[in-house]
């Protein structure tokens, strides 16, 4: 499996693990009230909403790999975290 398909084929469990690893505390990620702080090291720390996964909204989020796939990271749940889509794009493979 290439890196792009590994990035796109994340399971619900992996998405839930990323959310949990970033401090999200809802059991159902479709609940609009669940919030977590974006962990971007560049001091974003804005709130993300659980039900905004990949939603092109200021509080949306995507799964980020702490160690990027391009640098040998995996889709192991310990390597995943939730991050604003815009912050993840800024971070890139750093």
Protein backbone atom coordinates (compact mmCIF):
# COMPACT_ATOMS: atom_id res chain seq x y z
CA UNK A 1 0.00 0.00 0.00
CA UNK A 2 1.43 3.38 -0.93
CA UNK A 3 1.67 6.27 1.53
CA UNK A 4 -1.29 8.18 0.05
CA UNK A 5 -3.71 5.26 0.32
CA UNK A 6 -2.42 4.51 3.84
CA UNK A 7 -3.30 8.11 4.73
CA UNK A 8 -6.76 7.95 3.14
CA UNK A 9 -7.88 4.54 4.40
CA UNK A 10 -8.03 5.23 8.11
CA UNK A 11 -10.64 3.26 10.04
CA UNK A 12 -13.21 4.76 12.39
CA UNK A 13 -11.16 3.32 15.25
CA UNK A 14 -8.01 5.09 14.06
CA UNK A 15 -9.91 8.38 13.73
CA UNK A 16 -11.35 7.89 17.22
CA UNK A 17 -7.84 7.16 18.58
CA UNK A 18 -6.49 10.35 16.99
CA UNK A 19 -9.35 12.31 18.55
CA UNK A 20 -8.75 10.73 21.97
CA UNK A 21 -4.96 11.28 21.73
CA UNK A 22 -5.63 15.01 21.31
CA UNK A 23 -7.79 15.27 24.40
CA UNK A 24 -11.19 14.70 22.80
CA UNK A 25 -13.53 13.10 25.25
CA UNK A 26 -16.74 12.11 23.50
CA UNK A 27 -17.80 8.53 22.91
CA UNK A 28 -19.56 9.38 19.68
CA UNK A 29 -17.60 11.61 17.32
CA UNK A 30 -20.87 12.68 15.66
CA UNK A 31 -21.82 14.64 18.77
CA UNK A 32 -21.39 18.35 17.98
CA UNK A 33 -20.43 19.23 21.55
CA UNK A 34 -17.18 17.28 21.68
CA UNK A 35 -14.14 19.56 21.59
CA UNK A 36 -10.38 19.14 21.70
CA UNK A 37 -7.49 21.58 21.37
CA UNK A 38 -5.39 21.47 18.22
CA UNK A 39 -1.87 20.33 19.22
CA UNK A 40 0.01 22.22 16.48
CA UNK A 41 3.39 23.22 17.92
CA UNK A 42 3.13 26.59 16.20
CA UNK A 43 0.76 27.66 19.00
CA UNK A 44 -2.58 27.26 17.29
CA UNK A 45 -4.35 25.48 20.16
CA UNK A 46 -7.72 26.49 18.73
CA UNK A 47 -10.69 24.25 19.40
CA UNK A 48 -11.71 21.48 17.06
CA UNK A 49 -15.23 20.05 17.03
CA UNK A 50 -15.72 16.27 17.00
CA UNK A 51 -18.32 16.27 14.24
CA UNK A 52 -16.25 18.49 11.91
CA UNK A 53 -13.87 15.78 10.63
CA UNK A 54 -12.62 16.91 7.20
CA UNK A 55 -15.41 19.49 6.99
CA UNK A 56 -13.66 22.61 5.54
CA UNK A 57 -14.76 24.65 8.57
CA UNK A 58 -12.59 26.70 10.99
CA UNK A 59 -13.04 24.05 13.70
CA UNK A 60 -12.59 21.03 11.41
CA UNK A 61 -9.90 18.43 11.94
CA UNK A 62 -8.07 15.63 10.20
CA UNK A 63 -5.85 12.81 11.39
CA UNK A 64 -2.20 13.84 11.67
CA UNK A 65 0.70 11.43 11.95
CA UNK A 66 3.07 12.48 14.75
CA UNK A 67 5.86 10.79 12.80
CA UNK A 68 4.87 11.43 9.17
CA UNK A 69 4.33 8.46 6.87
CA UNK A 70 6.96 9.98 4.57
CA UNK A 71 9.49 9.66 7.40
CA UNK A 72 8.67 6.07 8.35
CA UNK A 73 5.64 6.68 10.57
CA UNK A 74 2.75 4.23 10.64
CA UNK A 75 -1.00 4.22 11.12
CA UNK A 76 -0.51 2.75 14.59
CA UNK A 77 -3.00 4.41 16.94
CA UNK A 78 -0.17 5.77 19.11
CA UNK A 79 1.16 7.73 16.11
CA UNK A 80 -2.14 9.49 15.37
CA UNK A 81 -3.54 12.79 16.64
CA UNK A 82 -6.31 15.15 15.63
CA UNK A 83 -5.21 18.46 14.10
CA UNK A 84 -6.91 21.31 12.29
CA UNK A 85 -6.77 20.67 8.57
CA UNK A 86 -5.10 24.05 7.98
CA UNK A 87 -2.49 23.37 10.69
CA UNK A 88 -1.81 19.91 9.25
CA UNK A 89 -1.24 21.45 5.82
CA UNK A 90 1.16 23.99 7.36
CA UNK A 91 3.00 21.26 9.28
CA UNK A 92 3.42 19.09 6.19
CA UNK A 93 5.94 16.27 6.68
CA UNK A 94 7.98 18.11 9.30
